[in-house]
Amino acid sequence: MRIVCFDAQAEFYADRLRDTAPDAVIVAAQSPDEAIAALPGAEVLIALAPRLTPAVMAAATDVKWIQALTTGVDNIAGYPGFALTNCHGIHGPQMSELAVMLMLASLRNFPRMLVNQRMAVWDRWPQPLLSGRTACIVGVGAISEHLAQVLRVLGMKVTGVTSRRDVDGFDHLYTRMNIQSAVASADFVIVLSPFTPANRNIVDANVIGAMPATAHLINLSRGGCVDEAAVIRALIDGRIAGAALDVFDQEPLPTNSPLWSVPNLIVTPHLGGFSDVYHEQALPILQRNLRLYLDGGADALKDRIK
């Protein structure tokens, strides 16, 4: 069996997986060209889904199973001919910490503090607290459940928009039909819904218009889940207090995008799922799924997406 690991940490994965599959040929590739050269004859491909470009996928004609190192796989889910699994369930800590960082930065106007520092300006203003405020999480899954626990420790009330009926850690759950009612009582609207055709612009101008003027919008899911043009208009018109976007319709965000200079908007470069120990977080999933695959092929993979 030939396995290709295509990632910046490819050598780490290849080295650790040799203990799980000692008879396999495991190739480490760090660049797209290296991956394309290694893929002919490969049965298994392990990689970050966003790095699987059409050129890489065109070289993966012999692949029977792709193990994505991400949760989101929307860019490759439409390709036929292979089983697909992801790294669901490991992103709670880093996503929650980024959410809290962006919430505090937007609420307390941290960018203004950095500007003052560069200009040597000593300017103080009352610092608002997260404690006692309400966060509405749009899309309730494993990451949202982890974030809800963190926010409740900080003294926040947490609501959710979901089709699920009973989830621990939430003060109230709303259906998607009632999303405007959900955001109307929120100080923060945090988007964590998966990107699907049905979730395209799940947070649109109408939803943003239902938010209080003092509220902040945080998008950590996918760019397509939030209407970027509506965010721009709302911030310019002062209809919401602030926003922070980690994901965008087009990534990397073009240098000429108006989002870079919108007032009261914080832009981060799709950092939500990253961590300095990501390879260590993902490894147990890879080892478990590889053992299942070796024992029973693609049909034995319990968490197959397709």
Protein backbone atom coordinates (compact mmCIF):
# COMPACT_ATOMS: atom_id res chain seq x y z
CA MET A 1 0.00 0.00 0.00
CA ARG A 2 1.23 3.49 -0.87
CA ILE A 3 0.24 6.39 1.39
CA VAL A 4 0.97 10.05 0.64
CA CYS A 5 1.08 12.59 3.47
CA PHE A 6 0.83 16.08 2.00
CA ASP A 7 1.34 18.73 4.67
CA ALA A 8 3.93 21.00 6.28
CA GLN A 9 4.10 18.34 9.00
CA ALA A 10 4.19 15.47 6.49
CA GLU A 11 7.40 14.00 7.91
CA PHE A 12 5.85 13.89 11.40
CA TYR A 13 2.75 12.08 10.15
CA ALA A 14 4.73 9.68 7.98
CA ASP A 15 7.08 8.78 10.81
CA ARG A 16 4.28 8.13 13.32
CA LEU A 17 2.06 6.23 10.89
CA ARG A 18 4.82 3.76 9.99
CA ASP A 19 4.20 2.13 13.38
CA THR A 20 0.52 1.71 12.45
CA ALA A 21 1.19 0.47 8.89
CA PRO A 22 4.70 -1.04 8.91
CA ASP A 23 4.24 -2.74 5.53
CA ALA A 24 3.06 0.40 3.73
CA VAL A 25 5.16 2.77 1.68
CA ILE A 26 4.53 6.17 3.23
CA VAL A 27 5.71 9.23 1.32
CA ALA A 28 5.99 12.71 2.84
CA ALA A 29 5.25 15.64 0.51
CA GLN A 30 5.33 19.28 1.55
CA SER A 31 4.68 21.08 -1.74
CA PRO A 32 1.95 20.56 -4.37
CA ASP A 33 4.59 19.49 -6.90
CA GLU A 34 5.93 16.86 -4.49
CA ALA A 35 2.39 15.60 -3.82
CA ILE A 36 1.55 15.40 -7.53
CA ALA A 37 4.76 13.46 -8.21
CA ALA A 38 4.08 11.04 -5.32
CA LEU A 39 0.38 10.35 -5.98
CA PRO A 40 0.47 7.90 -8.93
CA GLY A 41 -0.22 4.48 -7.43
CA ALA A 42 -1.12 5.91 -4.01
CA GLU A 43 -4.14 4.33 -2.32
CA VAL A 44 -4.38 6.77 0.61
CA LEU A 45 -3.94 10.56 0.71
CA ILE A 46 -3.65 12.53 3.95
CA ALA A 47 -3.80 16.32 3.56
CA LEU A 48 -5.44 19.60 4.49
CA ALA A 49 -8.53 19.78 2.31
CA PRO A 50 -7.93 23.39 1.12
CA ARG A 51 -4.53 22.32 -0.27
CA LEU A 52 -6.16 19.72 -2.52
CA THR A 53 -6.36 21.86 -5.63
CA PRO A 54 -7.78 20.58 -8.93
CA ALA A 55 -4.21 19.86 -10.05
CA VAL A 56 -3.53 17.71 -6.99
CA MET A 57 -6.88 15.96 -7.28
CA ALA A 58 -6.21 15.22 -10.96
CA ALA A 59 -3.12 13.28 -9.88
CA ALA A 60 -5.05 11.30 -7.24
CA THR A 61 -6.72 8.92 -9.68
CA ASP A 62 -5.63 5.80 -7.77
CA VAL A 63 -6.65 7.09 -4.33
CA LYS A 64 -9.38 5.11 -2.57
CA TRP A 65 -9.43 7.06 0.70
CA ILE A 66 -8.69 10.69 1.55
CA GLN A 67 -8.13 11.59 5.18
CA ALA A 68 -8.59 15.35 5.45
CA LEU A 69 -6.65 17.09 8.21
CA THR A 70 -9.44 19.68 8.43
CA THR A 71 -13.09 19.54 9.38
CA GLY A 72 -14.32 21.41 6.31
CA VAL A 73 -14.07 19.40 3.08
CA ASP A 74 -16.50 21.30 0.86
CA ASN A 75 -13.88 21.89 -1.86
CA ILE A 76 -13.34 18.13 -2.45
CA ALA A 77 -16.63 16.56 -1.37
CA GLY A 78 -17.96 16.65 -4.93
CA TYR A 79 -15.18 14.51 -6.39
CA PRO A 80 -16.20 10.88 -7.02
CA GLY A 81 -14.34 7.64 -6.48
CA PHE A 82 -12.94 7.73 -2.94
CA ALA A 83 -13.96 7.49 0.71
CA LEU A 84 -13.58 10.72 2.68
CA THR A 85 -12.98 11.30 6.38
CA ASN A 86 -12.06 14.46 8.28
CA CYS A 87 -10.61 15.54 11.62
CA HIS A 88 -13.89 16.39 13.30
CA GLY A 89 -13.82 17.04 17.04
CA ILE A 90 -10.33 18.41 17.70
CA HIS A 91 -10.86 22.12 17.02
CA GLY A 92 -12.77 23.16 20.13
CA PRO A 93 -9.84 24.66 22.10
CA GLN A 94 -8.28 26.78 19.36
CA MET A 95 -11.60 27.92 17.90
CA SER A 96 -12.92 28.87 21.33
CA GLU A 97 -9.77 30.79 22.23
CA LEU A 98 -9.88 32.72 18.95
CA ALA A 99 -13.56 33.49 19.52
CA VAL A 100 -12.84 34.92 22.96
CA MET A 101 -9.86 36.90 21.66
CA LEU A 102 -11.93 38.46 18.87
CA MET A 103 -14.90 39.13 21.16
CA LEU A 104 -12.69 41.01 23.63
CA ALA A 105 -10.76 42.81 20.89
CA SER A 106 -13.96 44.04 19.26
CA LEU A 107 -15.79 44.83 22.49
CA ARG A 108 -12.88 46.73 24.06
CA ASN A 109 -11.69 48.31 20.78
CA PHE A 110 -8.24 46.77 21.00
CA PRO A 111 -7.22 48.02 17.51
CA ARG A 112 -7.59 51.57 18.86
CA MET A 113 -5.18 50.70 21.67
CA LEU A 114 -2.59 49.49 19.17
CA VAL A 115 -2.92 52.69 17.14
CA ASN A 116 -2.48 54.72 20.33
CA GLN A 117 0.62 52.71 21.22
CA ARG A 118 2.23 53.41 17.84
CA MET A 119 1.44 57.12 18.27
CA ALA A 120 2.55 57.20 21.93
CA VAL A 121 -0.94 58.32 23.00
CA TRP A 122 -2.06 57.63 26.60
CA ASP A 123 -5.84 57.29 26.27
CA ARG A 124 -8.05 55.42 28.74
CA TRP A 125 -11.72 54.50 28.55
CA PRO A 126 -13.98 52.20 30.58
CA GLN A 127 -13.44 48.59 29.64
CA PRO A 128 -16.66 46.61 29.04
CA LEU A 129 -16.90 43.07 30.41
CA LEU A 130 -17.99 39.85 28.76
CA SER A 131 -19.56 38.79 32.03
CA GLY A 132 -23.32 39.28 32.01
CA ARG A 133 -23.60 39.53 28.22
CA THR A 134 -25.30 37.13 25.81
CA ALA A 135 -23.63 35.21 22.99
CA CYS A 136 -25.75 33.63 20.26
CA ILE A 137 -23.92 30.83 18.42
CA VAL A 138 -25.27 30.14 14.94
CA GLY A 139 -24.68 26.44 14.27
CA VAL A 140 -24.38 24.05 17.21
CA GLY A 141 -21.86 21.24 16.89
CA ALA A 142 -18.83 19.99 18.80
CA ILE A 143 -16.95 23.30 18.52
CA SER A 144 -19.98 25.31 19.62
CA GLU A 145 -20.51 23.05 22.62
CA HIS A 146 -16.89 23.59 23.68
CA LEU A 147 -17.20 27.36 23.17
CA ALA A 148 -20.45 27.47 25.15
CA GLN A 149 -18.69 25.93 28.16
CA VAL A 150 -15.90 28.51 27.93
CA LEU A 151 -18.31 31.44 27.66
CA ARG A 152 -20.42 30.27 30.57
CA VAL A 153 -17.28 30.13 32.73
CA LEU A 154 -16.77 33.79 31.80
CA GLY A 155 -20.24 34.56 33.14
CA MET A 156 -22.04 34.81 29.82
CA LYS A 157 -25.47 33.62 28.79
CA VAL A 158 -25.28 31.39 25.70
CA THR A 159 -28.01 30.74 23.14
CA GLY A 160 -27.85 28.77 19.90
CA VAL A 161 -29.44 28.53 16.47
CA THR A 162 -29.77 24.88 15.50
CA SER A 163 -32.07 22.09 14.40
CA ARG A 164 -31.04 20.13 17.50
CA ARG A 165 -33.55 20.15 20.34
CA ASP A 166 -31.53 19.40 23.44
CA VAL A 167 -27.91 20.46 23.90
CA ASP A 168 -26.14 20.83 27.23
CA GLY A 169 -24.55 24.17 28.06
CA PHE A 170 -27.03 26.44 26.25
CA ASP A 171 -29.56 28.67 27.98
CA HIS A 172 -31.93 28.59 25.02
CA LEU A 173 -32.06 27.09 21.52
CA TYR A 174 -33.74 28.68 18.50
CA THR A 175 -34.65 27.17 15.16
CA ARG A 176 -33.26 28.68 12.00
CA MET A 177 -36.74 30.02 11.28
CA ASN A 178 -36.37 32.12 14.42
CA ILE A 179 -32.80 33.28 13.83
CA GLN A 180 -33.78 36.97 13.85
CA SER A 181 -35.37 36.55 17.27
CA ALA A 182 -32.22 34.77 18.44
CA VAL A 183 -29.84 37.56 17.42
CA ALA A 184 -32.17 40.34 18.61
CA SER A 185 -31.23 39.65 22.23
CA ALA A 186 -27.52 38.94 21.64
CA ASP A 187 -24.48 41.05 22.42
CA PHE A 188 -22.40 38.74 20.22
CA VAL A 189 -23.45 36.66 17.22
CA ILE A 190 -20.84 33.95 16.59
CA VAL A 191 -21.16 32.01 13.33
CA LEU A 192 -19.99 28.39 13.48
CA SER A 193 -22.37 26.73 11.04
CA PRO A 194 -20.96 24.42 8.33
CA PHE A 195 -20.92 25.79 4.81
CA THR A 196 -23.59 24.13 2.68
CA PRO A 197 -25.78 25.49 -0.11
CA ALA A 198 -28.56 25.87 2.45
CA ASN A 199 -26.26 27.90 4.72
CA ARG A 200 -25.11 30.34 2.05
CA ASN A 201 -25.50 33.78 3.71
CA ILE A 202 -27.31 32.31 6.70
CA VAL A 203 -26.35 35.63 8.29
CA ASP A 204 -27.63 38.13 5.75
CA ALA A 205 -28.71 41.76 5.83
CA ASN A 206 -31.99 40.85 7.52
CA VAL A 207 -30.26 38.95 10.31
CA ILE A 208 -27.66 41.67 10.80
CA GLY A 209 -30.46 44.23 10.82
CA ALA A 210 -32.14 42.35 13.66
CA MET A 211 -29.02 42.60 15.86
CA PRO A 212 -28.85 45.36 18.49
CA ALA A 213 -26.82 48.41 17.52
CA THR A 214 -24.43 47.53 20.36
CA ALA A 215 -23.82 43.96 19.14
CA HIS A 216 -20.74 42.40 17.56
CA LEU A 217 -20.59 39.79 14.78
CA ILE A 218 -17.88 37.08 14.76
CA ASN A 219 -17.54 34.68 11.80
CA LEU A 220 -15.35 31.61 12.35
CA SER A 221 -17.13 29.18 10.02
CA ARG A 222 -16.80 29.84 6.28
CA GLY A 223 -16.93 33.09 4.35
CA GLY A 224 -20.02 32.03 2.45
CA CYS A 225 -22.07 31.78 5.63
CA VAL A 226 -22.08 35.57 6.10
CA ASP A 227 -23.06 38.22 3.57
CA GLU A 228 -19.86 40.28 3.47
CA ALA A 229 -21.49 43.18 1.63
CA ALA A 230 -24.15 43.37 4.34
CA VAL A 231 -21.44 43.45 7.03
CA ILE A 232 -19.69 46.32 5.26
CA ARG A 233 -22.90 48.34 4.97
CA ALA A 234 -23.88 47.70 8.59
CA LEU A 235 -20.50 48.80 9.95
CA ILE A 236 -20.27 51.91 7.75
CA ASP A 237 -23.80 52.90 8.76
CA GLY A 238 -23.14 52.14 12.44
CA ARG A 239 -25.99 49.60 12.63
CA ILE A 240 -23.80 47.22 14.66
CA ALA A 241 -20.92 48.08 16.97
CA GLY A 242 -18.27 45.86 15.46
CA ALA A 243 -17.35 42.65 13.67
CA ALA A 244 -14.47 40.23 13.34
CA LEU A 245 -14.08 37.96 10.32
CA ASP A 246 -11.64 35.05 10.20
CA VAL A 247 -13.03 33.52 7.00
CA PHE A 248 -13.95 35.00 3.64
CA ASP A 249 -15.64 34.26 0.32
CA GLN A 250 -12.25 34.54 -1.36
CA GLU A 251 -9.08 33.43 0.41
CA PRO A 252 -6.48 34.76 0.70
CA LEU A 253 -8.44 37.99 1.05
CA PRO A 254 -7.44 40.14 -1.98
CA THR A 255 -5.39 43.23 -1.22
CA ASN A 256 -8.03 45.39 -2.92
CA SER A 257 -10.91 44.04 -0.82
CA PRO A 258 -12.84 46.82 0.95
CA LEU A 259 -12.95 44.63 4.07
CA TRP A 260 -9.38 45.61 4.95
CA SER A 261 -10.40 49.21 5.72
CA VAL A 262 -13.97 48.96 7.03
CA PRO A 263 -14.35 50.80 10.36
CA ASN A 264 -14.71 48.62 13.47
CA LEU A 265 -13.89 45.44 11.56
CA ILE A 266 -11.11 43.06 12.62
CA VAL A 267 -9.67 40.79 9.92
CA THR A 268 -7.72 37.62 10.74
CA PRO A 269 -6.33 35.24 8.07
CA HIS A 270 -8.36 32.05 8.66
CA LEU A 271 -6.57 31.13 11.88
CA GLY A 272 -9.48 29.48 13.67
CA GLY A 273 -8.55 25.83 13.27
CA PHE A 274 -4.80 26.31 13.62
CA SER A 275 -2.70 25.57 16.66
CA ASP A 276 0.99 25.04 17.30
CA VAL A 277 0.22 21.43 18.29
CA TYR A 278 -2.27 20.68 15.50
CA HIS A 279 -0.28 17.72 14.21
CA GLU A 280 -0.39 16.18 17.67
CA GLN A 281 -4.14 16.81 17.92
CA ALA A 282 -4.82 15.20 14.54
CA LEU A 283 -2.52 12.20 14.86
CA PRO A 284 -4.81 9.98 17.01
CA ILE A 285 -7.60 10.34 14.41
CA LEU A 286 -5.23 9.39 11.60
CA GLN A 287 -3.91 6.37 13.51
CA ARG A 288 -7.42 5.15 14.39
CA ASN A 289 -8.77 5.55 10.86
CA LEU A 290 -5.70 3.95 9.30
CA ARG A 291 -6.09 0.90 11.54
CA LEU A 292 -9.75 0.64 10.53
CA TYR A 293 -8.85 0.97 6.85
CA LEU A 294 -6.15 -1.69 7.08
CA ASP A 295 -8.56 -4.07 8.79
CA GLY A 296 -11.59 -3.60 6.54
CA GLY A 297 -11.00 -1.09 3.78
CA ALA A 298 -13.09 2.01 3.17
CA ASP A 299 -16.27 0.33 4.41
CA ALA A 300 -14.71 0.01 7.88
CA LEU A 301 -14.23 3.77 8.28
CA LYS A 302 -16.85 4.73 10.88
CA ASP A 303 -16.91 8.48 10.28
CA ARG A 304 -17.03 8.52 6.50
CA ILE A 305 -18.44 11.67 4.98
CA LYS A 306 -19.08 9.82 1.73
